[in-house]
């Protein structure tokens, strides 16, 4: 039996969230781990996949599926799951991974579990699962009974750990058979409009809250994020006020993040936000209120006005 894993890419390399999914995939008994990537074959760098234990990679080029088409991607996974005899199909618990696996469940009439932290094969056609509920505030134990298990891996639950012995990766150029309508919904991306790293996979997130003051106050945060190679994330109040789009929201009703650094600027730190940023390796808070709840979760804190601190930090970075 084998395990099939959808791998998302970040600048041509497997995203951090997908490396975590591959780490969990290796724990599923003696199954071989096969991967699926949507990329031009000539641009594929397979070293990271081999380092994380993948035995095979199925490459779907833009000539077959151009851009992100969730139903078409799910159709590809359905065909490969049958072809490889997969006992499980998994992906990272990102917006894209959850959407594609949900489509796969609809196409195959199989159950799908999102945001799993532990998956254990049990007696052939069942899997014991532990998964996040309520943005990780609760852990649910469940048993999935299905000939093929479909699940996504919580982005902050499994550390990305390379295999002890890298695999000899075999590359297969796969041309899928798609149904009419599979490409009806499709997002075509371009390097100029792709927007860099996503909030869920960014290694640096510069967060802004009510203390930013309004839509115009995010310019310095955008500049700082660009200098650090990161992205901007915001609190719920910012999206509620209409200052920034919901896709940038961090928290229980937004995106869960797992960056190396989360710089929280003018954010009080309500429990809903903490549920979304608890997976950050390091948290630095900039706030005028020494009693703000975010400080209890921060590794470092700057008690000061972000409108003075951020420009000073930008100048210091540019001077280097």
Protein backbone atom coordinates (compact mmCIF):
# COMPACT_ATOMS: atom_id res chain seq x y z
CA UNK A 1 0.00 0.00 0.00
CA UNK A 2 1.08 3.59 -0.49
CA UNK A 3 0.29 7.07 0.76
CA UNK A 4 -0.35 9.91 -1.68
CA UNK A 5 0.54 13.44 -0.62
CA UNK A 6 -0.31 16.70 -2.39
CA UNK A 7 2.71 19.01 -2.14
CA UNK A 8 2.25 22.77 -2.40
CA UNK A 9 5.15 24.87 -3.59
CA UNK A 10 6.65 28.12 -2.33
CA UNK A 11 9.05 29.73 -4.82
CA UNK A 12 9.46 26.37 -6.55
CA UNK A 13 10.30 24.41 -3.39
CA UNK A 14 7.97 22.41 -1.13
CA UNK A 15 6.23 24.70 1.35
CA UNK A 16 6.92 24.32 5.05
CA UNK A 17 3.35 23.11 5.60
CA UNK A 18 3.80 20.38 2.96
CA UNK A 19 7.06 19.23 4.54
CA UNK A 20 5.13 18.80 7.79
CA UNK A 21 2.52 16.75 5.93
CA UNK A 22 5.26 14.56 4.43
CA UNK A 23 6.71 14.03 7.91
CA UNK A 24 3.36 12.72 9.13
CA UNK A 25 2.92 10.63 5.96
CA UNK A 26 6.11 8.72 6.77
CA UNK A 27 4.63 7.67 10.11
CA UNK A 28 1.83 5.66 8.47
CA UNK A 29 3.37 2.22 8.88
CA UNK A 30 5.41 0.68 6.09
CA UNK A 31 3.61 2.53 3.31
CA UNK A 32 5.67 4.21 0.60
CA UNK A 33 5.09 7.95 0.22
CA UNK A 34 4.21 9.21 -3.25
CA UNK A 35 3.82 12.92 -3.96
CA UNK A 36 1.92 15.07 -6.45
CA UNK A 37 3.10 18.50 -7.59
CA UNK A 38 1.72 20.94 -10.15
CA UNK A 39 4.73 22.50 -11.86
CA UNK A 40 6.72 22.54 -15.09
CA UNK A 41 8.90 19.41 -15.04
CA UNK A 42 12.04 21.38 -15.89
CA UNK A 43 11.49 23.58 -12.83
CA UNK A 44 11.11 20.74 -10.35
CA UNK A 45 13.70 20.47 -7.58
CA UNK A 46 13.21 17.01 -6.13
CA UNK A 47 15.97 17.04 -3.50
CA UNK A 48 13.69 18.23 -0.69
CA UNK A 49 11.07 15.60 -1.54
CA UNK A 50 13.70 12.87 -1.43
CA UNK A 51 15.09 14.24 1.83
CA UNK A 52 11.62 13.93 3.38
CA UNK A 53 11.17 10.32 2.31
CA UNK A 54 9.16 10.58 -0.92
CA UNK A 55 9.75 7.60 -3.19
CA UNK A 56 7.92 8.99 -6.25
CA UNK A 57 6.73 12.34 -7.53
CA UNK A 58 3.97 12.73 -10.11
CA UNK A 59 4.41 15.98 -12.00
CA UNK A 60 1.39 17.66 -13.59
CA UNK A 61 2.53 20.37 -15.98
CA UNK A 62 0.66 23.59 -16.84
CA UNK A 63 -0.18 22.13 -20.28
CA UNK A 64 -2.53 19.73 -18.43
CA UNK A 65 -3.77 22.00 -15.63
CA UNK A 66 -2.80 25.66 -15.87
CA UNK A 67 -3.16 27.54 -12.60
CA UNK A 68 -5.05 26.47 -9.50
CA UNK A 69 -8.25 24.55 -10.29
CA UNK A 70 -9.47 22.79 -7.12
CA UNK A 71 -11.79 20.29 -8.81
CA UNK A 72 -9.21 19.42 -11.46
CA UNK A 73 -6.54 18.95 -8.79
CA UNK A 74 -8.93 16.69 -6.88
CA UNK A 75 -9.62 14.70 -10.07
CA UNK A 76 -5.87 14.18 -10.49
CA UNK A 77 -5.57 12.90 -6.92
CA UNK A 78 -8.55 10.57 -7.40
CA UNK A 79 -6.98 9.00 -10.48
CA UNK A 80 -3.55 8.62 -8.90
CA UNK A 81 -5.01 7.18 -5.69
CA UNK A 82 -6.60 4.41 -7.77
CA UNK A 83 -3.51 3.93 -9.93
CA UNK A 84 -1.12 3.64 -6.97
CA UNK A 85 -3.46 1.71 -4.65
CA UNK A 86 -3.18 4.42 -2.02
CA UNK A 87 -4.52 3.66 1.44
CA UNK A 88 -4.55 7.38 2.31
CA UNK A 89 -4.44 10.73 0.51
CA UNK A 90 -3.27 13.74 2.49
CA UNK A 91 -2.33 17.38 2.12
CA UNK A 92 -1.28 20.27 4.32
CA UNK A 93 -4.12 21.91 6.27
CA UNK A 94 -3.88 25.14 4.29
CA UNK A 95 -6.79 26.82 2.55
CA UNK A 96 -5.76 25.13 -0.68
CA UNK A 97 -5.12 21.72 0.85
CA UNK A 98 -8.45 21.67 2.67
CA UNK A 99 -10.33 22.81 -0.44
CA UNK A 100 -8.79 20.21 -2.75
CA UNK A 101 -9.32 17.35 -0.28
CA UNK A 102 -12.94 18.44 0.23
CA UNK A 103 -13.45 18.27 -3.54
CA UNK A 104 -11.76 14.85 -3.55
CA UNK A 105 -14.20 13.64 -0.89
CA UNK A 106 -17.11 14.87 -3.00
CA UNK A 107 -15.79 13.18 -6.15
CA UNK A 108 -15.11 9.83 -4.45
CA UNK A 109 -17.88 9.82 -1.80
CA UNK A 110 -15.22 9.25 0.85
CA UNK A 111 -15.08 10.97 4.27
CA UNK A 112 -12.45 13.66 4.78
CA UNK A 113 -10.97 14.88 8.09
CA UNK A 114 -9.29 18.29 8.28
CA UNK A 115 -6.43 19.55 10.49
CA UNK A 116 -5.22 16.21 11.87
CA UNK A 117 -2.32 16.02 14.32
CA UNK A 118 -2.01 12.22 14.61
CA UNK A 119 -3.08 9.54 12.14
CA UNK A 120 -2.66 5.85 12.98
CA UNK A 121 -3.69 3.00 10.63
CA UNK A 122 -5.87 0.51 12.51
CA UNK A 123 -7.01 -2.91 11.27
CA UNK A 124 -6.71 -2.37 7.56
CA UNK A 125 -9.50 -0.06 6.46
CA UNK A 126 -9.77 2.21 9.49
CA UNK A 127 -7.59 5.04 10.78
CA UNK A 128 -7.51 6.52 14.27
CA UNK A 129 -7.29 10.29 14.15
CA UNK A 130 -6.62 13.19 16.48
CA UNK A 131 -7.53 16.54 14.97
CA UNK A 132 -7.91 20.19 15.85
CA UNK A 133 -11.33 21.64 16.50
CA UNK A 134 -12.19 25.23 17.34
CA UNK A 135 -8.86 26.49 15.91
CA UNK A 136 -6.89 24.05 18.04
CA UNK A 137 -8.59 24.88 21.34
CA UNK A 138 -9.99 21.32 21.39
CA UNK A 139 -8.57 17.99 20.24
CA UNK A 140 -11.01 15.45 18.85
CA UNK A 141 -10.30 11.72 18.79
CA UNK A 142 -12.10 9.85 16.01
CA UNK A 143 -12.04 6.68 13.93
CA UNK A 144 -12.33 6.96 10.15
CA UNK A 145 -13.77 3.92 8.41
CA UNK A 146 -13.05 4.15 4.69
CA UNK A 147 -11.18 2.16 2.04
CA UNK A 148 -9.07 5.28 1.42
CA UNK A 149 -8.53 7.86 4.19
CA UNK A 150 -8.60 11.52 3.18
CA UNK A 151 -7.16 14.04 5.62
CA UNK A 152 -5.18 17.23 5.96
CA UNK A 153 -2.41 17.87 8.48
CA UNK A 154 -2.66 20.79 10.91
CA UNK A 155 0.01 23.26 9.85
CA UNK A 156 1.45 23.74 13.35
CA UNK A 157 1.05 20.23 14.77
CA UNK A 158 3.93 18.28 13.22
CA UNK A 159 7.53 19.48 13.09
CA UNK A 160 9.14 19.14 9.63
CA UNK A 161 11.75 16.39 10.12
CA UNK A 162 13.79 14.96 7.22
CA UNK A 163 13.95 11.19 6.81
CA UNK A 164 16.95 9.43 8.33
CA UNK A 165 17.76 8.02 4.91
CA UNK A 166 16.77 10.07 1.83
CA UNK A 167 14.84 8.18 -0.83
CA UNK A 168 15.86 7.55 -4.43
CA UNK A 169 13.17 9.72 -5.97
CA UNK A 170 11.49 8.56 -9.18
CA UNK A 171 9.90 11.29 -11.31
CA UNK A 172 6.77 10.54 -13.36
CA UNK A 173 5.29 12.99 -15.87
CA UNK A 174 1.56 12.48 -15.39
CA UNK A 175 -1.13 13.49 -17.89
CA UNK A 176 -4.49 13.30 -16.11
CA UNK A 177 -7.88 12.53 -17.57
CA UNK A 178 -10.19 15.38 -16.65
CA UNK A 179 -13.97 15.57 -16.82
CA UNK A 180 -15.98 18.30 -18.50
CA UNK A 181 -16.24 21.20 -16.14
CA UNK A 182 -13.17 20.38 -14.01
CA UNK A 183 -11.48 23.55 -15.21
CA UNK A 184 -14.56 25.73 -15.00
CA UNK A 185 -13.29 27.29 -11.76
CA UNK A 186 -9.64 28.18 -12.12
CA UNK A 187 -7.28 30.78 -10.65
CA UNK A 188 -4.48 31.73 -13.02
CA UNK A 189 -1.49 33.13 -11.15
CA UNK A 190 1.43 35.19 -12.43
CA UNK A 191 4.75 36.01 -10.71
CA UNK A 192 3.77 39.67 -10.56
CA UNK A 193 0.44 38.97 -8.90
CA UNK A 194 1.16 35.92 -6.82
CA UNK A 195 1.87 38.05 -3.76
CA UNK A 196 4.87 36.07 -2.50
CA UNK A 197 4.52 33.71 0.45
CA UNK A 198 1.07 33.01 1.79
CA UNK A 199 0.05 33.92 5.33
CA UNK A 200 -0.17 30.24 6.29
CA UNK A 201 3.35 29.42 5.07
CA UNK A 202 5.30 32.67 5.63
CA UNK A 203 8.39 32.50 7.81
CA UNK A 204 7.90 36.09 8.97
CA UNK A 205 4.53 37.73 9.69
CA UNK A 206 4.23 41.41 10.58
CA UNK A 207 0.89 41.79 12.35
CA UNK A 208 -1.16 44.94 12.67
CA UNK A 209 -4.08 45.65 14.98
CA UNK A 210 -6.28 48.54 16.04
CA UNK A 211 -3.19 50.46 17.14
CA UNK A 212 -2.16 50.94 13.50
CA UNK A 213 -4.86 53.61 13.40
CA UNK A 214 -6.45 53.05 10.00
CA UNK A 215 -5.91 51.81 6.44
CA UNK A 216 -3.15 54.34 5.76
CA UNK A 217 -1.14 53.14 8.76
CA UNK A 218 -0.19 49.83 7.13
CA UNK A 219 2.36 51.31 4.72
CA UNK A 220 5.31 51.02 7.16
CA UNK A 221 4.24 47.47 8.10
CA UNK A 222 4.18 46.49 4.42
CA UNK A 223 7.64 48.00 3.99
CA UNK A 224 8.99 46.15 7.02
CA UNK A 225 7.47 42.87 5.88
CA UNK A 226 9.10 43.31 2.48
CA UNK A 227 12.52 43.92 4.05
CA UNK A 228 12.15 40.80 6.21
CA UNK A 229 10.87 38.62 3.38
CA UNK A 230 7.51 38.22 5.11
CA UNK A 231 3.84 39.13 4.81
CA UNK A 232 1.36 41.29 6.69
CA UNK A 233 -1.28 39.72 8.93
CA UNK A 234 -4.00 41.54 10.83
CA UNK A 235 -6.32 41.13 13.80
CA UNK A 236 -10.08 40.62 13.53
CA UNK A 237 -10.91 44.23 14.43
CA UNK A 238 -8.91 45.40 11.41
CA UNK A 239 -10.99 43.33 9.00
CA UNK A 240 -14.20 44.25 10.85
CA UNK A 241 -13.39 47.92 10.29
CA UNK A 242 -12.76 47.21 6.62
CA UNK A 243 -9.14 48.38 6.77
CA UNK A 244 -7.71 45.16 5.29
CA UNK A 245 -9.19 42.06 3.57
CA UNK A 246 -10.25 38.99 5.55
CA UNK A 247 -7.63 36.82 3.81
CA UNK A 248 -4.99 38.64 5.92
CA UNK A 249 -6.69 37.91 9.25
CA UNK A 250 -4.80 35.83 11.82
CA UNK A 251 -6.85 33.99 14.43
CA UNK A 252 -9.61 31.55 15.22
CA UNK A 253 -11.82 32.88 12.41
CA UNK A 254 -8.87 33.65 10.13
CA UNK A 255 -5.63 31.86 9.31
CA UNK A 256 -3.46 29.87 11.72
CA UNK A 257 0.19 30.81 11.25
CA UNK A 258 3.45 29.06 12.11
CA UNK A 259 6.21 31.56 11.25
CA UNK A 260 9.69 31.74 12.67
CA UNK A 261 8.85 35.31 13.74
CA UNK A 262 5.52 37.01 14.45
CA UNK A 263 5.89 40.75 15.03
CA UNK A 264 2.62 41.95 16.62
CA UNK A 265 2.20 45.71 16.24
CA UNK A 266 -0.60 47.49 18.08
CA UNK A 267 -2.39 44.21 18.79
CA UNK A 268 -3.98 43.68 22.20
CA UNK A 269 -3.99 39.88 21.91
CA UNK A 270 -7.53 38.59 22.35
CA UNK A 271 -7.83 34.83 22.82
CA UNK A 272 -9.18 34.40 19.27
CA UNK A 273 -5.97 35.87 17.86
CA UNK A 274 -3.74 33.86 20.19
CA UNK A 275 -5.42 30.69 18.88
CA UNK A 276 -4.12 31.61 15.43
CA UNK A 277 -0.55 32.63 16.27
CA UNK A 278 0.31 30.15 19.07
CA UNK A 279 2.35 28.12 16.58
CA UNK A 280 4.83 30.96 15.96
CA UNK A 281 8.40 30.14 17.03
CA UNK A 282 9.06 33.64 18.35
CA UNK A 283 6.63 36.48 19.11
CA UNK A 284 7.69 40.11 19.50
CA UNK A 285 5.04 42.61 20.60
CA UNK A 286 5.11 46.36 20.07
CA UNK A 287 2.45 48.06 22.19
CA UNK A 288 1.92 51.21 24.20
CA UNK A 289 0.02 49.24 26.87
CA UNK A 290 2.31 47.28 29.24
CA UNK A 291 -0.75 45.29 30.36
CA UNK A 292 -1.85 44.12 26.91
CA UNK A 293 -2.62 40.35 26.90
CA UNK A 294 -0.28 39.75 23.93
CA UNK A 295 2.70 40.50 26.19
CA UNK A 296 2.02 37.37 28.23
CA UNK A 297 2.68 35.30 25.10
CA UNK A 298 5.57 37.35 23.69
CA UNK A 299 9.23 36.37 23.87
CA UNK A 300 10.18 40.05 23.67
CA UNK A 301 8.18 43.25 24.02
CA UNK A 302 8.76 46.87 23.07
CA UNK A 303 6.63 49.26 25.10
CA UNK A 304 6.26 52.16 22.74
CA UNK A 305 4.40 53.76 19.85
CA UNK A 306 4.54 51.56 16.74
CA UNK A 307 4.46 54.73 14.59
CA UNK A 308 7.89 55.55 16.00
CA UNK A 309 9.28 52.04 16.47
CA UNK A 310 8.48 50.63 13.02
CA UNK A 311 10.02 53.51 10.99
CA UNK A 312 13.12 53.33 13.19
CA UNK A 313 13.35 49.58 12.56
CA UNK A 314 12.91 50.10 8.82
CA UNK A 315 15.70 52.72 8.79
CA UNK A 316 18.00 50.40 10.70
CA UNK A 317 17.37 47.54 8.27
CA UNK A 318 17.88 49.75 5.23
CA UNK A 319 21.13 51.10 6.64
CA UNK A 320 22.47 47.54 6.62
